[in-house]
Structure formats: structure tokens, C-alpha cells
PDB file of all heavy atoms in Angstrom:
ATOM      1  N   ASN A   1     -16.840  54.748  48.337  1.00  0.00           N
ATOM      2  CA  ASN A   1     -16.779  55.934  47.458  1.00  0.00           C
ATOM      3  C   ASN A   1     -17.296  57.135  48.196  1.00  0.00           C
ATOM      4  O   ASN A   1     -18.498  57.214  48.528  1.00  0.00           O
ATOM      5  CB  ASN A   1     -17.634  55.658  46.175  1.00  0.00           C
ATOM      6  CG  ASN A   1     -17.574  56.788  45.189  1.00  0.00           C
ATOM      7  OD1 ASN A   1     -17.047  57.857  45.472  1.00  0.00           O
ATOM      8  ND2 ASN A   1     -18.104  56.534  44.009  1.00  0.00           N
ATOM      9  N   LEU A   2     -16.437  58.061  48.492  1.00  0.00           N
ATOM     10  CA  LEU A   2     -16.795  59.286  49.253  1.00  0.00           C
ATOM     11  C   LEU A   2     -17.783  60.132  48.461  1.00  0.00           C
ATOM     12  O   LEU A   2     -18.466  60.997  49.075  1.00  0.00           O
ATOM     13  CB  LEU A   2     -15.560  60.124  49.536  1.00  0.00           C
ATOM     14  CG  LEU A   2     -14.689  59.666  50.718  1.00  0.00           C
ATOM     15  CD1 LEU A   2     -13.328  60.305  50.658  1.00  0.00           C
ATOM     16  CD2 LEU A   2     -15.394  59.992  52.025  1.00  0.00           C
ATOM     17  N   ASP A   3     -17.902  59.948  47.149  1.00  0.00           N
ATOM     18  CA  ASP A   3     -18.758  60.817  46.342  1.00  0.00           C
ATOM     19  C   ASP A   3     -20.142  60.206  46.070  1.00  0.00           C
ATOM     20  O   ASP A   3     -20.866  60.722  45.222  1.00  0.00           O
ATOM     21  CB  ASP A   3     -18.049  61.127  45.010  1.00  0.00           C
ATOM     22  CG  ASP A   3     -16.738  61.852  45.221  1.00  0.00           C
ATOM     23  OD1 ASP A   3     -16.748  62.795  46.066  1.00  0.00           O
ATOM     24  OD2 ASP A   3     -15.720  61.529  44.561  1.00  0.00           O
ATOM     25  N   LEU A   4     -20.485  59.124  46.739  1.00  0.00           N
ATOM     26  CA  LEU A   4     -21.814  58.516  46.504  1.00  0.00           C
ATOM     27  C   LEU A   4     -22.913  59.507  46.897  1.00  0.00           C
ATOM     28  O   LEU A   4     -22.853  60.216  47.881  1.00  0.00           O
ATOM     29  CB  LEU A   4     -21.966  57.274  47.385  1.00  0.00           C
ATOM     30  CG  LEU A   4     -21.244  56.007  46.924  1.00  0.00           C
ATOM     31  CD1 LEU A   4     -21.442  54.879  47.923  1.00  0.00           C
ATOM     32  CD2 LEU A   4     -21.672  55.607  45.500  1.00  0.00           C
ATOM     33  N   LYS A   5     -23.995  59.453  46.092  1.00  0.00           N
ATOM     34  CA  LYS A   5     -25.210  60.222  46.393  1.00  0.00           C
ATOM     35  C   LYS A   5     -26.253  59.314  47.018  1.00  0.00           C
ATOM     36  O   LYS A   5     -26.237  58.106  46.882  1.00  0.00           O
ATOM     37  CB  LYS A   5     -25.760  60.810  45.091  1.00  0.00           C
ATOM     38  CG  LYS A   5     -24.781  61.729  44.334  1.00  0.00           C
ATOM     39  CD  LYS A   5     -25.381  62.114  42.998  1.00  0.00           C
ATOM     40  CE  LYS A   5     -24.412  62.963  42.178  1.00  0.00           C
ATOM     41  NZ  LYS A   5     -24.981  63.336  40.871  1.00  0.00           N
ATOM     42  N   PRO A   6     -27.216  59.903  47.722  1.00  0.00           N
ATOM     43  CA  PRO A   6     -28.328  59.083  48.243  1.00  0.00           C
ATOM     44  C   PRO A   6     -29.161  58.476  47.117  1.00  0.00           C
ATOM     45  O   PRO A   6     -29.292  59.053  46.022  1.00  0.00           O
ATOM     46  CB  PRO A   6     -29.155  60.083  49.067  1.00  0.00           C
ATOM     47  CG  PRO A   6     -28.229  61.202  49.339  1.00  0.00           C
ATOM     48  CD  PRO A   6     -27.302  61.283  48.187  1.00  0.00           C
ATOM     49  N   GLU A   7     -29.694  57.285  47.376  1.00  0.00           N
ATOM     50  CA  GLU A   7     -30.616  56.668  46.443  1.00  0.00           C
ATOM     51  C   GLU A   7     -32.009  57.291  46.610  1.00  0.00           C
ATOM     52  O   GLU A   7     -32.470  57.504  47.715  1.00  0.00           O
ATOM     53  CB  GLU A   7     -30.738  55.162  46.745  1.00  0.00           C
ATOM     54  CG  GLU A   7     -29.451  54.380  46.558  1.00  0.00           C
ATOM     55  CD  GLU A   7     -29.609  52.937  46.919  1.00  0.00           C
ATOM     56  OE1 GLU A   7     -30.354  52.651  47.870  1.00  0.00           O
ATOM     57  OE2 GLU A   7     -28.970  52.084  46.297  1.00  0.00           O
ATOM     58  N   VAL A   8     -32.685  57.545  45.491  1.00  0.00           N
ATOM     59  CA  VAL A   8     -34.050  58.080  45.516  1.00  0.00           C
ATOM     60  C   VAL A   8     -34.933  57.142  44.655  1.00  0.00           C
ATOM     61  O   VAL A   8     -34.657  56.970  43.475  1.00  0.00           O
ATOM     62  CB  VAL A   8     -34.149  59.519  44.971  1.00  0.00           C
ATOM     63  CG1 VAL A   8     -35.567  59.997  45.064  1.00  0.00           C
ATOM     64  CG2 VAL A   8     -33.205  60.445  45.773  1.00  0.00           C
ATOM     65  N   ALA A   9     -35.949  56.560  45.299  1.00  0.00           N
ATOM     66  CA  ALA A   9     -36.782  55.589  44.602  1.00  0.00           C
ATOM     67  C   ALA A   9     -38.196  56.179  44.423  1.00  0.00           C
ATOM     68  O   ALA A   9     -38.787  56.666  45.372  1.00  0.00           O
ATOM     69  CB  ALA A   9     -36.891  54.285  45.379  1.00  0.00           C
ATOM     70  N   TYR A  10     -38.705  56.096  43.191  1.00  0.00           N
ATOM     71  CA  TYR A  10     -40.071  56.466  42.876  1.00  0.00           C
ATOM     72  C   TYR A  10     -40.821  55.195  42.584  1.00  0.00           C
ATOM     73  O   TYR A  10     -40.520  54.493  41.624  1.00  0.00           O
ATOM     74  CB  TYR A  10     -40.075  57.405  41.643  1.00  0.00           C
ATOM     75  CG  TYR A  10     -39.285  58.671  41.847  1.00  0.00           C
ATOM     76  CD1 TYR A  10     -37.920  58.718  41.546  1.00  0.00           C
ATOM     77  CD2 TYR A  10     -39.889  59.833  42.368  1.00  0.00           C
ATOM     78  CE1 TYR A  10     -37.181  59.886  41.734  1.00  0.00           C
ATOM     79  CE2 TYR A  10     -39.149  61.005  42.538  1.00  0.00           C
ATOM     80  CZ  TYR A  10     -37.799  61.029  42.215  1.00  0.00           C
ATOM     81  OH  TYR A  10     -37.101  62.184  42.411  1.00  0.00           O
ATOM     82  N   SER A  11     -41.820  54.916  43.394  1.00  0.00           N
ATOM     83  CA  SER A  11     -42.537  53.640  43.281  1.00  0.00           C
ATOM     84  C   SER A  11     -44.028  53.857  43.085  1.00  0.00           C
ATOM     85  O   SER A  11     -44.611  54.779  43.665  1.00  0.00           O
ATOM     86  CB  SER A  11     -42.346  52.772  44.545  1.00  0.00           C
ATOM     87  OG  SER A  11     -40.982  52.472  44.743  1.00  0.00           O
ATOM     88  N   ILE A  12     -44.620  53.029  42.253  1.00  0.00           N
ATOM     89  CA  ILE A  12     -46.062  52.979  42.124  1.00  0.00           C
ATOM     90  C   ILE A  12     -46.490  51.530  42.236  1.00  0.00           C
ATOM     91  O   ILE A  12     -45.837  50.620  41.678  1.00  0.00           O
ATOM     92  CB  ILE A  12     -46.573  53.608  40.787  1.00  0.00           C
ATOM     93  CG1 ILE A  12     -48.063  53.687  40.788  1.00  0.00           C
ATOM     94  CG2 ILE A  12     -45.991  52.903  39.593  1.00  0.00           C
ATOM     95  CD1 ILE A  12     -48.648  54.530  39.684  1.00  0.00           C
ATOM     96  N   LYS A  13     -47.576  51.297  42.969  1.00  0.00           N
ATOM     97  CA  LYS A  13     -48.025  49.943  43.225  1.00  0.00           C
ATOM     98  C   LYS A  13     -49.570  49.932  43.246  1.00  0.00           C
ATOM     99  O   LYS A  13     -50.173  50.880  43.780  1.00  0.00           O
ATOM    100  CB  LYS A  13     -47.472  49.445  44.550  1.00  0.00           C
ATOM    101  CG  LYS A  13     -47.613  47.954  44.751  1.00  0.00           C
ATOM    102  CD  LYS A  13     -46.734  47.501  45.929  1.00  0.00           C
ATOM    103  CE  LYS A  13     -46.625  45.975  46.006  1.00  0.00           C
ATOM    104  NZ  LYS A  13     -45.710  45.519  47.068  1.00  0.00           N
ATOM    105  N   ALA A  14     -50.148  48.914  42.703  1.00  0.00           N
ATOM    106  CA  ALA A  14     -51.594  48.783  42.688  1.00  0.00           C
ATOM    107  C   ALA A  14     -51.971  47.394  43.208  1.00  0.00           C
ATOM    108  O   ALA A  14     -51.186  46.475  43.146  1.00  0.00           O
ATOM    109  CB  ALA A  14     -52.166  49.015  41.260  1.00  0.00           C
ATOM    110  N   GLY A  15     -53.177  47.291  43.694  1.00  0.00           N
ATOM    111  CA  GLY A  15     -53.654  45.999  44.175  1.00  0.00           C
ATOM    112  C   GLY A  15     -55.109  45.842  43.936  1.00  0.00           C
ATOM    113  O   GLY A  15     -55.937  46.771  44.144  1.00  0.00           O
ATOM    114  N   ALA A  16     -55.520  44.667  43.459  1.00  0.00           N
ATOM    115  CA  ALA A  16     -56.924  44.300  43.275  1.00  0.00           C
ATOM    116  C   ALA A  16     -57.178  43.049  44.088  1.00  0.00           C
ATOM    117  O   ALA A  16     -56.483  42.037  43.985  1.00  0.00           O
ATOM    118  CB  ALA A  16     -57.238  44.074  41.816  1.00  0.00           C
ATOM    119  N   ASP A  17     -58.172  43.099  44.949  1.00  0.00           N
ATOM    120  CA  ASP A  17     -58.500  42.021  45.868  1.00  0.00           C
ATOM    121  C   ASP A  17     -59.958  41.616  45.698  1.00  0.00           C
ATOM    122  O   ASP A  17     -60.857  42.395  45.993  1.00  0.00           O
ATOM    123  CB  ASP A  17     -58.239  42.464  47.305  1.00  0.00           C
ATOM    124  CG  ASP A  17     -58.331  41.311  48.302  1.00  0.00           C
ATOM    125  OD1 ASP A  17     -58.847  40.247  47.930  1.00  0.00           O
ATOM    126  OD2 ASP A  17     -57.905  41.476  49.462  1.00  0.00           O
ATOM    127  N   TRP A  18     -60.141  40.416  45.112  1.00  0.00           N
ATOM    128  CA  TRP A  18     -61.519  39.902  44.941  1.00  0.00           C
ATOM    129  C   TRP A  18     -61.739  38.761  45.929  1.00  0.00           C
ATOM    130  O   TRP A  18     -60.832  37.926  46.108  1.00  0.00           O
ATOM    131  CB  TRP A  18     -61.700  39.405  43.527  1.00  0.00           C
ATOM    132  CG  TRP A  18     -61.524  40.480  42.475  1.00  0.00           C
ATOM    133  CD1 TRP A  18     -62.371  41.490  42.158  1.00  0.00           C
ATOM    134  CD2 TRP A  18     -60.355  40.665  41.649  1.00  0.00           C
ATOM    135  NE1 TRP A  18     -61.835  42.306  41.181  1.00  0.00           N
ATOM    136  CE2 TRP A  18     -60.611  41.811  40.818  1.00  0.00           C
ATOM    137  CE3 TRP A  18     -59.162  40.004  41.477  1.00  0.00           C
ATOM    138  CZ2 TRP A  18     -59.719  42.287  39.865  1.00  0.00           C
ATOM    139  CZ3 TRP A  18     -58.250  40.434  40.538  1.00  0.00           C
ATOM    140  CH2 TRP A  18     -58.530  41.581  39.736  1.00  0.00           C
ATOM    141  N   HIS A  19     -62.924  38.715  46.561  1.00  0.00           N
ATOM    142  CA  HIS A  19     -63.123  37.751  47.615  1.00  0.00           C
ATOM    143  C   HIS A  19     -64.608  37.614  47.894  1.00  0.00           C
ATOM    144  O   HIS A  19     -65.429  38.446  47.471  1.00  0.00           O
ATOM    145  CB  HIS A  19     -62.409  38.220  48.897  1.00  0.00           C
ATOM    146  CG  HIS A  19     -62.688  39.659  49.211  1.00  0.00           C
ATOM    147  ND1 HIS A  19     -61.820  40.657  48.802  1.00  0.00           N
ATOM    148  CD2 HIS A  19     -63.713  40.274  49.843  1.00  0.00           C
ATOM    149  CE1 HIS A  19     -62.334  41.825  49.160  1.00  0.00           C
ATOM    150  NE2 HIS A  19     -63.479  41.644  49.804  1.00  0.00           N
ATOM    151  N   ASP A  20     -64.942  36.516  48.643  1.00  0.00           N
ATOM    152  CA  ASP A  20     -66.341  36.414  49.098  1.00  0.00           C
ATOM    153  C   ASP A  20     -66.541  37.406  50.237  1.00  0.00           C
ATOM    154  O   ASP A  20     -65.567  37.915  50.847  1.00  0.00           O
ATOM    155  CB  ASP A  20     -66.639  34.990  49.529  1.00  0.00           C
ATOM    156  CG  ASP A  20     -65.884  34.561  50.747  1.00  0.00           C
ATOM    157  OD1 ASP A  20     -64.628  34.366  50.648  1.00  0.00           O
ATOM    158  OD2 ASP A  20     -66.472  34.445  51.834  1.00  0.00           O
ATOM    159  N   ALA A  21     -67.758  37.620  50.606  1.00  0.00           N
ATOM    160  CA  ALA A  21     -68.078  38.678  51.597  1.00  0.00           C
ATOM    161  C   ALA A  21     -67.436  38.394  52.941  1.00  0.00           C
ATOM    162  O   ALA A  21     -67.041  39.337  53.650  1.00  0.00           O
ATOM    163  CB  ALA A  21     -69.613  38.808  51.741  1.00  0.00           C
ATOM    164  N   GLU A  22     -67.326  37.131  53.367  1.00  0.00           N
ATOM    165  CA  GLU A  22     -66.764  36.845  54.657  1.00  0.00           C
ATOM    166  C   GLU A  22     -65.228  36.535  54.569  1.00  0.00           C
ATOM    167  O   GLU A  22     -64.594  36.271  55.574  1.00  0.00           O
ATOM    168  CB  GLU A  22     -67.449  35.582  55.270  1.00  0.00           C
ATOM    169  CG  GLU A  22     -68.864  35.819  55.707  1.00  0.00           C
ATOM    170  CD  GLU A  22     -69.835  35.937  54.553  1.00  0.00           C
ATOM    171  OE1 GLU A  22     -69.572  35.305  53.511  1.00  0.00           O
ATOM    172  OE2 GLU A  22     -70.827  36.683  54.699  1.00  0.00           O
ATOM    173  N   ARG A  23     -64.671  36.573  53.387  1.00  0.00           N
ATOM    174  CA  ARG A  23     -63.245  36.241  53.154  1.00  0.00           C
ATOM    175  C   ARG A  23     -62.895  34.888  53.728  1.00  0.00           C
ATOM    176  O   ARG A  23     -61.806  34.664  54.229  1.00  0.00           O
ATOM    177  CB  ARG A  23     -62.361  37.321  53.813  1.00  0.00           C
ATOM    178  CG  ARG A  23     -62.502  38.688  53.195  1.00  0.00           C
ATOM    179  CD  ARG A  23     -61.629  39.677  53.926  1.00  0.00           C
ATOM    180  NE  ARG A  23     -61.718  41.008  53.336  1.00  0.00           N
ATOM    181  CZ  ARG A  23     -60.904  41.499  52.413  1.00  0.00           C
ATOM    182  NH1 ARG A  23     -59.956  40.741  51.959  1.00  0.00           N
ATOM    183  NH2 ARG A  23     -61.101  42.725  51.942  1.00  0.00           N
ATOM    184  N   GLN A  24     -63.783  33.941  53.595  1.00  0.00           N
ATOM    185  CA  GLN A  24     -63.578  32.596  54.096  1.00  0.00           C
ATOM    186  C   GLN A  24     -63.565  31.587  52.974  1.00  0.00           C
ATOM    187  O   GLN A  24     -62.776  30.618  52.974  1.00  0.00           O
ATOM    188  CB  GLN A  24     -64.659  32.208  55.090  1.00  0.00           C
ATOM    189  CG  GLN A  24     -64.686  33.078  56.345  1.00  0.00           C
ATOM    190  CD  GLN A  24     -63.432  32.909  57.176  1.00  0.00           C
ATOM    191  OE1 GLN A  24     -62.893  31.815  57.308  1.00  0.00           O
ATOM    192  NE2 GLN A  24     -62.974  34.020  57.718  1.00  0.00           N
ATOM    193  N   ASN A  25     -64.375  31.783  51.898  1.00  0.00           N
ATOM    194  CA  ASN A  25     -64.531  30.763  50.881  1.00  0.00           C
ATOM    195  C   ASN A  25     -63.502  30.892  49.792  1.00  0.00           C
ATOM    196  O   ASN A  25     -62.955  29.891  49.328  1.00  0.00           O
ATOM    197  CB  ASN A  25     -65.956  30.886  50.304  1.00  0.00           C
ATOM    198  CG  ASN A  25     -66.206  29.767  49.311  1.00  0.00           C
ATOM    199  OD1 ASN A  25     -65.961  29.880  48.120  1.00  0.00           O
ATOM    200  ND2 ASN A  25     -66.785  28.688  49.811  1.00  0.00           N
ATOM    201  N   TRP A  26     -63.199  32.125  49.338  1.00  0.00           N
ATOM    202  CA  TRP A  26     -62.224  32.278  48.254  1.00  0.00           C
ATOM    203  C   TRP A  26     -61.676  33.689  48.266  1.00  0.00           C
ATOM    204  O   TRP A  26     -62.256  34.618  48.813  1.00  0.00           O
ATOM    205  CB  TRP A  26     -62.901  31.989  46.890  1.00  0.00           C
ATOM    206  CG  TRP A  26     -63.977  32.987  46.517  1.00  0.00           C
ATOM    207  CD1 TRP A  26     -65.290  32.971  46.886  1.00  0.00           C
ATOM    208  CD2 TRP A  26     -63.815  34.179  45.720  1.00  0.00           C
ATOM    209  NE1 TRP A  26     -65.971  34.040  46.369  1.00  0.00           N
ATOM    210  CE2 TRP A  26     -65.078  34.807  45.638  1.00  0.00           C
ATOM    211  CE3 TRP A  26     -62.739  34.779  45.065  1.00  0.00           C
ATOM    212  CZ2 TRP A  26     -65.310  35.969  44.941  1.00  0.00           C
ATOM    213  CZ3 TRP A  26     -62.939  35.935  44.348  1.00  0.00           C
ATOM    214  CH2 TRP A  26     -64.193  36.541  44.295  1.00  0.00           C
ATOM    215  N   GLN A  27     -60.514  33.860  47.616  1.00  0.00           N
ATOM    216  CA  GLN A  27     -59.856  35.150  47.502  1.00  0.00           C
ATOM    217  C   GLN A  27     -58.833  35.114  46.410  1.00  0.00           C
ATOM    218  O   GLN A  27     -58.136  34.097  46.173  1.00  0.00           O
ATOM    219  CB  GLN A  27     -59.184  35.563  48.807  1.00  0.00           C
ATOM    220  CG  GLN A  27     -58.556  36.942  48.792  1.00  0.00           C
ATOM    221  CD  GLN A  27     -57.867  37.342  50.088  1.00  0.00           C
ATOM    222  OE1 GLN A  27     -57.429  36.449  50.838  1.00  0.00           O
ATOM    223  NE2 GLN A  27     -57.879  38.611  50.420  1.00  0.00           N
ATOM    224  N   LEU A  28     -58.693  36.226  45.640  1.00  0.00           N
ATOM    225  CA  LEU A  28     -57.671  36.383  44.646  1.00  0.00           C
ATOM    226  C   LEU A  28     -57.126  37.768  44.784  1.00  0.00           C
ATOM    227  O   LEU A  28     -57.894  38.778  44.754  1.00  0.00           O
ATOM    228  CB  LEU A  28     -58.211  36.159  43.246  1.00  0.00           C
ATOM    229  CG  LEU A  28     -57.239  36.415  42.092  1.00  0.00           C
ATOM    230  CD1 LEU A  28     -56.074  35.455  42.168  1.00  0.00           C
ATOM    231  CD2 LEU A  28     -57.946  36.347  40.759  1.00  0.00           C
ATOM    232  N   ARG A  29     -55.802  37.890  44.912  1.00  0.00           N
ATOM    233  CA  ARG A  29     -55.160  39.205  45.060  1.00  0.00           C
ATOM    234  C   ARG A  29     -54.053  39.335  44.018  1.00  0.00           C
ATOM    235  O   ARG A  29     -53.201  38.471  43.874  1.00  0.00           O
ATOM    236  CB  ARG A  29     -54.555  39.297  46.455  1.00  0.00           C
ATOM    237  CG  ARG A  29     -53.680  40.508  46.729  1.00  0.00           C
ATOM    238  CD  ARG A  29     -54.530  41.699  47.128  1.00  0.00           C
ATOM    239  NE  ARG A  29     -53.671  42.868  47.504  1.00  0.00           N
ATOM    240  CZ  ARG A  29     -54.143  44.043  47.758  1.00  0.00           C
ATOM    241  NH1 ARG A  29     -55.451  44.264  47.688  1.00  0.00           N
ATOM    242  NH2 ARG A  29     -53.347  45.061  48.030  1.00  0.00           N
ATOM    243  N   VAL A  30     -54.073  40.421  43.262  1.00  0.00           N
ATOM    244  CA  VAL A  30     -53.077  40.710  42.228  1.00  0.00           C
ATOM    245  C   VAL A  30     -52.449  42.079  42.518  1.00  0.00           C
ATOM    246  O   VAL A  30     -53.193  43.077  42.660  1.00  0.00           O
ATOM    247  CB  VAL A  30     -53.704  40.707  40.807  1.00  0.00           C
ATOM    248  CG1 VAL A  30     -52.616  40.992  39.746  1.00  0.00           C
ATOM    249  CG2 VAL A  30     -54.377  39.352  40.553  1.00  0.00           C
ATOM    250  N   THR A  31     -51.114  42.153  42.577  1.00  0.00           N
ATOM    251  CA  THR A  31     -50.437  43.369  42.971  1.00  0.00           C
ATOM    252  C   THR A  31     -49.218  43.593  42.026  1.00  0.00           C
ATOM    253  O   THR A  31     -48.130  43.109  42.280  1.00  0.00           O
ATOM    254  CB  THR A  31     -49.924  43.307  44.419  1.00  0.00           C
ATOM    255  OG1 THR A  31     -51.018  42.940  45.262  1.00  0.00           O
ATOM    256  CG2 THR A  31     -49.398  44.665  44.871  1.00  0.00           C
ATOM    257  N   PRO A  32     -49.381  44.377  40.973  1.00  0.00           N
ATOM    258  CA  PRO A  32     -48.247  44.807  40.157  1.00  0.00           C
ATOM    259  C   PRO A  32     -47.528  45.981  40.750  1.00  0.00           C
ATOM    260  O   PRO A  32     -48.117  46.741  41.517  1.00  0.00           O
ATOM    261  CB  PRO A  32     -48.887  45.140  38.819  1.00  0.00           C
ATOM    262  CG  PRO A  32     -50.257  45.642  39.173  1.00  0.00           C
ATOM    263  CD  PRO A  32     -50.690  44.835  40.413  1.00  0.00           C
ATOM    264  N   PHE A  33     -46.216  46.128  40.459  1.00  0.00           N
ATOM    265  CA  PHE A  33     -45.463  47.270  40.988  1.00  0.00           C
ATOM    266  C   PHE A  33     -44.381  47.704  39.994  1.00  0.00           C
ATOM    267  O   PHE A  33     -43.968  46.949  39.117  1.00  0.00           O
ATOM    268  CB  PHE A  33     -44.791  46.854  42.305  1.00  0.00           C
ATOM    269  CG  PHE A  33     -43.746  45.767  42.181  1.00  0.00           C
ATOM    270  CD1 PHE A  33     -42.418  46.051  41.934  1.00  0.00           C
ATOM    271  CD2 PHE A  33     -44.148  44.425  42.301  1.00  0.00           C
ATOM    272  CE1 PHE A  33     -41.472  45.031  41.788  1.00  0.00           C
ATOM    273  CE2 PHE A  33     -43.235  43.407  42.163  1.00  0.00           C
ATOM    274  CZ  PHE A  33     -41.875  43.707  41.926  1.00  0.00           C
ATOM    275  N   TYR A  34     -43.959  48.978  40.163  1.00  0.00           N
ATOM    276  CA  TYR A  34     -42.848  49.508  39.342  1.00  0.00           C
ATOM    277  C   TYR A  34     -42.078  50.462  40.212  1.00  0.00           C
ATOM    278  O   TYR A  34     -42.657  51.316  40.900  1.00  0.00           O
ATOM    279  CB  TYR A  34     -43.361  50.214  38.108  1.00  0.00           C
ATOM    280  CG  TYR A  34     -42.270  50.884  37.317  1.00  0.00           C
ATOM    281  CD1 TYR A  34     -41.492  50.165  36.427  1.00  0.00           C
ATOM    282  CD2 TYR A  34     -42.004  52.260  37.488  1.00  0.00           C
ATOM    283  CE1 TYR A  34     -40.459  50.799  35.711  1.00  0.00           C
ATOM    284  CE2 TYR A  34     -40.943  52.865  36.779  1.00  0.00           C
ATOM    285  CZ  TYR A  34     -40.213  52.125  35.909  1.00  0.00           C
ATOM    286  OH  TYR A  34     -39.189  52.722  35.214  1.00  0.00           O
ATOM    287  N   THR A  35     -40.752  50.400  40.237  1.00  0.00           N
ATOM    288  CA  THR A  35     -39.878  51.303  40.977  1.00  0.00           C
ATOM    289  C   THR A  35     -38.747  51.788  40.078  1.00  0.00           C
ATOM    290  O   THR A  35     -38.068  50.947  39.446  1.00  0.00           O
ATOM    291  CB  THR A  35     -39.308  50.622  42.216  1.00  0.00           C
ATOM    292  OG1 THR A  35     -40.368  50.268  43.128  1.00  0.00           O
ATOM    293  CG2 THR A  35     -38.341  51.529  42.957  1.00  0.00           C
ATOM    294  N   TYR A  36     -38.547  53.097  40.038  1.00  0.00           N
ATOM    295  CA  TYR A  36     -37.394  53.676  39.359  1.00  0.00           C
ATOM    296  C   TYR A  36     -36.503  54.263  40.453  1.00  0.00           C
ATOM    297  O   TYR A  36     -36.934  55.103  41.255  1.00  0.00           O
ATOM    298  CB  TYR A  36     -37.806  54.775  38.391  1.00  0.00           C
ATOM    299  CG  TYR A  36     -36.665  55.319  37.576  1.00  0.00           C
ATOM    300  CD1 TYR A  36     -36.339  54.767  36.365  1.00  0.00           C
ATOM    301  CD2 TYR A  36     -35.905  56.392  38.044  1.00  0.00           C
ATOM    302  CE1 TYR A  36     -35.278  55.258  35.592  1.00  0.00           C
ATOM    303  CE2 TYR A  36     -34.861  56.893  37.313  1.00  0.00           C
ATOM    304  CZ  TYR A  36     -34.567  56.312  36.093  1.00  0.00           C
ATOM    305  OH  TYR A  36     -33.478  56.778  35.338  1.00  0.00           O
ATOM    306  N   VAL A  37     -35.226  53.835  40.475  1.00  0.00           N
ATOM    307  CA  VAL A  37     -34.304  54.279  41.483  1.00  0.00           C
ATOM    308  C   VAL A  37     -33.262  55.177  40.839  1.00  0.00           C
ATOM    309  O   VAL A  37     -32.459  54.672  40.029  1.00  0.00           O
ATOM    310  CB  VAL A  37     -33.613  53.104  42.224  1.00  0.00           C
ATOM    311  CG1 VAL A  37     -32.761  53.635  43.375  1.00  0.00           C
ATOM    312  CG2 VAL A  37     -34.646  52.108  42.743  1.00  0.00           C
ATOM    313  N   LYS A  38     -33.282  56.450  41.183  1.00  0.00           N
ATOM    314  CA  LYS A  38     -32.256  57.361  40.760  1.00  0.00           C
ATOM    315  C   LYS A  38     -31.024  57.226  41.686  1.00  0.00           C
ATOM    316  O   LYS A  38     -31.178  57.240  42.895  1.00  0.00           O
ATOM    317  CB  LYS A  38     -32.757  58.793  40.740  1.00  0.00           C
ATOM    318  CG  LYS A  38     -31.747  59.846  40.235  1.00  0.00           C
ATOM    319  CD  LYS A  38     -32.362  61.193  40.088  1.00  0.00           C
ATOM    320  CE  LYS A  38     -31.319  62.208  39.680  1.00  0.00           C
ATOM    321  NZ  LYS A  38     -30.642  61.820  38.426  1.00  0.00           N
TER     322      LYS A  38
END
């Protein structure tokens, strides 16, 4: 399609990382995201 326009994406992403001080014993990482593509 010669008339295609460029894609434009608006994204927001967050991350929470809980862990022990040395990052050896335990870790939990949660990362939600949202993207709107015009």
C-alpha cells in the first residue's frame, strides 16, 4: 500500500524488583506494560 503511514507507539512500562541484599537468596520481579500504536 503506497499510502501507508509510519507506526507510532506510545509505551509505558513499570518494574518492581524485590530481592535480598546480595541478590543470591531470593528475587521477585513484576513488570506490567501498556502500548498504544497509532
